[in-house]
N, C-alpha and C. Protein backbone atom coordinates (compact mmCIF):
# COMPACT_ATOMS: atom_id res chain seq x y z
N MET A 1 126.01 79.37 118.47
CA MET A 1 125.14 79.88 117.56
C MET A 1 124.83 81.45 117.50
N SER A 2 125.16 82.08 116.63
CA SER A 2 125.04 83.61 116.49
C SER A 2 123.66 84.13 116.67
N THR A 3 123.22 85.21 117.45
CA THR A 3 121.78 85.69 117.15
C THR A 3 121.79 86.80 116.47
N SER A 4 122.97 87.50 116.16
CA SER A 4 122.87 88.64 115.59
C SER A 4 122.75 88.38 113.84
N ASN A 5 122.27 89.28 113.07
CA ASN A 5 121.46 88.97 111.74
C ASN A 5 122.53 89.83 111.18
N PRO A 6 123.47 89.48 109.79
CA PRO A 6 124.32 90.14 109.41
C PRO A 6 123.70 91.39 108.36
N LYS A 7 122.28 91.22 107.86
CA LYS A 7 121.61 91.99 107.20
C LYS A 7 121.03 93.07 107.74
N LYS A 8 121.16 92.99 109.07
CA LYS A 8 120.46 94.16 110.01
C LYS A 8 121.00 95.61 109.85
N SER A 9 120.18 96.42 110.00
CA SER A 9 120.61 97.87 109.44
C SER A 9 121.49 98.26 111.03
N THR A 10 122.82 98.98 110.76
CA THR A 10 123.33 99.69 111.46
C THR A 10 122.74 101.03 112.33
N ASN A 11 122.16 101.18 111.57
CA ASN A 11 121.18 102.53 112.19
C ASN A 11 119.84 102.35 112.07
N PRO A 12 119.30 101.50 112.89
CA PRO A 12 117.63 101.49 112.48
C PRO A 12 116.67 102.17 112.73
N LEU A 13 115.81 102.35 112.01
CA LEU A 13 114.58 103.34 112.38
C LEU A 13 113.62 102.70 113.38
N TYR A 14 113.00 103.51 113.91
CA TYR A 14 111.99 102.96 115.16
C TYR A 14 110.42 104.17 115.13
N VAL A 15 109.69 103.41 115.28
CA VAL A 15 108.47 103.91 115.30
C VAL A 15 107.72 103.88 116.80
N VAL A 16 107.67 104.91 117.63
CA VAL A 16 107.21 105.00 118.64
C VAL A 16 105.50 105.37 119.05
N ARG A 17 105.06 104.84 119.56
CA ARG A 17 103.28 104.89 119.71
C ARG A 17 102.86 104.70 120.95
N SER A 18 101.82 105.20 121.33
CA SER A 18 101.15 105.05 122.62
C SER A 18 102.15 105.78 123.77
N ASN A 19 102.26 106.90 123.24
CA ASN A 19 103.19 107.97 124.72
C ASN A 19 104.52 106.97 124.76
N GLY A 20 105.05 106.49 123.92
CA GLY A 20 106.20 105.48 124.30
C GLY A 20 106.08 104.31 124.74
N VAL A 21 104.66 103.82 124.85
CA VAL A 21 104.79 102.29 125.60
C VAL A 21 105.10 101.22 124.39
N ASP A 22 104.54 101.67 123.00
CA ASP A 22 105.09 100.53 121.91
C ASP A 22 106.12 100.98 121.03
N VAL A 23 107.21 100.31 120.93
CA VAL A 23 108.70 100.63 119.98
C VAL A 23 108.38 99.67 119.24
N GLU A 24 108.29 99.82 117.65
CA GLU A 24 108.83 99.03 116.50
C GLU A 24 109.70 99.50 115.88
N GLU A 25 110.47 98.53 115.25
CA GLU A 25 111.52 98.88 114.28
C GLU A 25 110.79 98.78 112.74
N ALA A 26 111.21 100.00 112.16
CA ALA A 26 111.03 99.86 110.72
C ALA A 26 112.07 99.41 109.85
N ASN A 27 111.62 98.28 108.63
CA ASN A 27 112.88 98.47 107.96
C ASN A 27 113.35 99.23 106.88
N GLY A 28 112.46 100.33 106.51
CA GLY A 28 112.93 101.31 105.56
C GLY A 28 111.98 102.66 106.03
N ILE A 29 112.49 103.76 105.14
CA ILE A 29 111.75 104.93 105.25
C ILE A 29 110.21 104.89 104.88
N LEU A 30 109.72 103.86 104.08
CA LEU A 30 108.46 103.75 103.54
C LEU A 30 107.61 102.69 104.64
N GLU A 31 108.11 101.92 105.07
CA GLU A 31 107.66 101.57 106.49
C GLU A 31 107.34 102.32 107.61
N LEU A 32 108.40 103.05 107.77
CA LEU A 32 108.43 103.98 108.86
C LEU A 32 107.31 104.97 108.55
N ILE A 33 107.12 105.57 107.43
CA ILE A 33 105.96 106.20 107.18
C ILE A 33 104.84 105.61 107.40
N LEU A 34 104.58 104.51 106.67
CA LEU A 34 103.11 103.77 106.90
C LEU A 34 103.05 103.36 108.66
N LYS A 35 104.07 103.08 109.34
CA LYS A 35 103.89 102.62 110.56
C LYS A 35 103.38 104.10 111.26
N LYS A 36 103.65 105.21 111.20
CA LYS A 36 104.06 106.52 112.26
C LYS A 36 102.59 106.73 111.75
N THR A 37 101.79 106.92 110.65
CA THR A 37 100.74 107.47 110.18
C THR A 37 99.63 106.27 110.42
N GLY A 38 100.06 105.04 110.87
CA GLY A 38 98.90 103.98 111.09
C GLY A 38 98.52 103.39 109.71
N LEU A 39 99.33 103.59 108.71
CA LEU A 39 98.38 103.04 107.58
C LEU A 39 98.67 101.50 107.22
N ASP A 40 100.20 101.35 107.84
CA ASP A 40 100.26 99.99 108.17
C ASP A 40 99.09 98.83 108.23
N LYS A 41 98.09 99.41 109.07
CA LYS A 41 97.04 98.48 109.38
C LYS A 41 95.87 98.31 108.34
N MET A 42 96.17 99.63 107.41
CA MET A 42 94.97 99.41 105.98
C MET A 42 95.62 98.49 104.97
N ILE A 43 96.71 98.28 104.91
CA ILE A 43 97.18 97.11 104.08
C ILE A 43 96.58 95.84 103.82
N PRO A 44 96.36 95.28 104.56
CA PRO A 44 95.52 94.14 104.47
C PRO A 44 94.05 94.23 104.23
N VAL A 45 93.19 95.71 104.28
CA VAL A 45 92.20 96.01 103.86
C VAL A 45 92.32 96.30 102.54
N LEU A 46 93.20 97.00 102.05
CA LEU A 46 93.12 97.28 100.61
C LEU A 46 93.13 95.82 99.80
N GLU A 47 94.39 94.87 100.42
CA GLU A 47 94.38 93.57 99.75
C GLU A 47 93.35 92.73 99.57
N SER A 48 92.45 92.70 100.76
CA SER A 48 91.15 92.11 100.56
C SER A 48 90.22 92.85 99.56
N PHE A 49 90.06 94.03 99.40
CA PHE A 49 89.32 94.80 98.64
C PHE A 49 89.74 94.53 97.26
N MET A 50 90.92 94.60 97.05
CA MET A 50 91.61 94.02 95.54
C MET A 50 91.36 92.98 95.20
N GLN A 51 91.30 91.78 96.29
CA GLN A 51 90.97 90.25 95.95
C GLN A 51 89.09 90.50 95.61
N ILE A 52 88.57 90.90 96.08
CA ILE A 52 87.12 91.26 95.84
C ILE A 52 86.77 91.74 94.56
N ILE A 53 87.59 92.62 94.12
CA ILE A 53 87.02 93.43 93.19
C ILE A 53 87.53 92.26 91.90
N LEU A 54 88.89 92.05 92.22
CA LEU A 54 89.13 90.99 91.02
C LEU A 54 88.51 89.75 90.87
N SER A 55 87.82 89.28 91.86
CA SER A 55 87.05 88.01 92.06
C SER A 55 85.92 88.46 91.10
N GLN A 56 85.41 89.61 90.92
CA GLN A 56 84.19 90.18 90.39
C GLN A 56 84.44 90.16 88.37
N VAL A 57 85.54 89.90 88.71
CA VAL A 57 85.99 90.16 86.83
C VAL A 57 85.47 89.13 86.11
N GLN A 58 84.67 89.35 85.41
CA GLN A 58 83.99 88.20 84.19
C GLN A 58 84.18 88.54 82.73
N THR A 59 84.49 89.38 82.54
CA THR A 59 84.73 89.52 80.81
C THR A 59 85.94 90.84 80.84
N TYR A 60 86.19 90.77 79.77
CA TYR A 60 87.56 91.66 79.46
C TYR A 60 87.42 92.86 79.62
N ALA A 61 86.22 93.36 79.29
CA ALA A 61 85.67 95.16 79.18
C ALA A 61 85.88 95.17 81.23
N VAL A 62 85.57 94.50 81.60
CA VAL A 62 85.45 94.80 83.20
C VAL A 62 86.97 94.70 83.48
N PHE A 63 87.82 93.79 83.12
CA PHE A 63 89.12 93.65 83.77
C PHE A 63 89.88 95.07 82.91
N ILE A 64 89.33 95.56 81.83
CA ILE A 64 90.22 96.68 81.64
C ILE A 64 89.78 97.87 82.60
N GLU A 65 88.48 97.91 82.95
CA GLU A 65 88.33 98.82 83.70
C GLU A 65 88.87 98.94 85.43
N VAL A 66 89.27 97.75 85.85
CA VAL A 66 89.65 97.25 87.13
C VAL A 66 91.11 97.86 86.78
N LYS A 67 91.63 97.27 85.85
CA LYS A 67 92.98 97.81 85.46
C LYS A 67 93.07 99.13 85.60
N LYS A 68 92.54 100.15 84.73
CA LYS A 68 92.60 101.42 85.19
C LYS A 68 92.54 102.02 86.35
N MET A 69 91.67 101.25 86.99
CA MET A 69 91.47 101.61 88.87
C MET A 69 92.73 101.34 89.18
N PHE A 70 93.26 100.42 89.16
CA PHE A 70 94.26 99.87 90.13
C PHE A 70 95.56 100.83 89.50
N ASP A 71 95.89 101.18 88.11
CA ASP A 71 96.70 102.12 87.11
C ASP A 71 97.19 103.30 88.25
N LYS A 72 95.84 103.76 88.34
CA LYS A 72 95.83 105.03 88.81
C LYS A 72 96.14 105.01 90.29
N VAL A 73 95.40 103.91 91.20
CA VAL A 73 96.14 103.65 92.62
C VAL A 73 97.45 103.50 92.58
N PHE A 74 98.23 102.86 91.65
CA PHE A 74 99.69 102.77 91.93
C PHE A 74 100.43 103.83 91.29
N GLU A 75 99.84 104.61 90.41
CA GLU A 75 100.22 105.67 89.92
C GLU A 75 100.71 106.72 91.05
N LYS A 76 99.67 106.71 91.76
CA LYS A 76 99.48 107.63 93.27
C LYS A 76 100.70 106.97 94.16
N VAL A 77 100.84 105.77 94.16
CA VAL A 77 101.78 105.63 95.25
C VAL A 77 103.02 105.46 94.84
N ILE A 78 103.59 105.34 93.41
CA ILE A 78 104.34 105.80 93.02
C ILE A 78 105.22 107.19 93.35
N GLU A 79 103.89 108.00 92.84
CA GLU A 79 104.17 109.39 92.92
C GLU A 79 104.75 110.08 94.27
N LEU A 80 103.97 109.30 95.23
CA LEU A 80 104.31 109.26 96.42
C LEU A 80 105.68 108.90 97.19
N LEU A 81 106.24 107.98 96.46
CA LEU A 81 107.29 107.45 97.03
C LEU A 81 108.51 108.22 96.48
N PHE A 82 108.52 108.75 95.05
CA PHE A 82 109.24 109.65 94.69
C PHE A 82 109.46 111.00 95.39
N GLN A 83 108.27 111.55 96.15
CA GLN A 83 108.18 112.51 97.25
C GLN A 83 108.95 112.11 98.37
N ILE A 84 108.79 111.16 98.62
CA ILE A 84 109.44 110.96 99.88
C ILE A 84 110.62 110.65 99.52
N GLN A 85 111.21 110.00 98.41
CA GLN A 85 112.53 110.13 98.00
C GLN A 85 113.20 111.15 98.16
N GLN A 86 112.33 112.45 97.19
CA GLN A 86 113.21 113.77 97.34
C GLN A 86 113.64 114.40 98.64
N MET A 87 111.99 114.36 99.21
CA MET A 87 112.37 114.50 101.16
C MET A 87 113.48 114.43 101.38
N THR A 88 113.63 112.66 101.73
CA THR A 88 115.05 112.33 102.40
C THR A 88 115.99 112.48 101.67
N ALA A 89 116.36 112.89 100.52
CA ALA A 89 117.59 113.22 99.90
C ALA A 89 117.86 114.63 100.24
N LYS A 90 116.89 115.73 100.30
CA LYS A 90 117.39 116.59 100.67
C LYS A 90 117.67 117.01 102.41
N LYS A 91 117.44 115.86 102.78
CA LYS A 91 117.55 115.97 104.43
C LYS A 91 119.09 115.56 104.41
N LYS A 92 119.73 114.80 103.45
CA LYS A 92 121.09 114.03 103.61
C LYS A 92 122.31 115.21 102.96
N ILE A 93 121.69 116.22 102.06
CA ILE A 93 122.70 116.95 101.97
C ILE A 93 123.08 118.16 102.80
């Protein structure tokens, strides 16, 4: 039985933390940025926050307001992803 993973990247990305003590592999540029900035630790907090907000929705009017709030957050995330994509495309040229 082989231990090699056929889907494994041939040029993996690594995040070095704690002055070189901790080294983690990142599966993509977004994961690399999240780990490098420490935002990866915030994802579970954000998920919990979203679950709490959604659990409070009792009426359609509240649902619409929550949806507007989530739409703004995701709009910013998509904008950030686009900027990252533009930056990485420039580096490849």
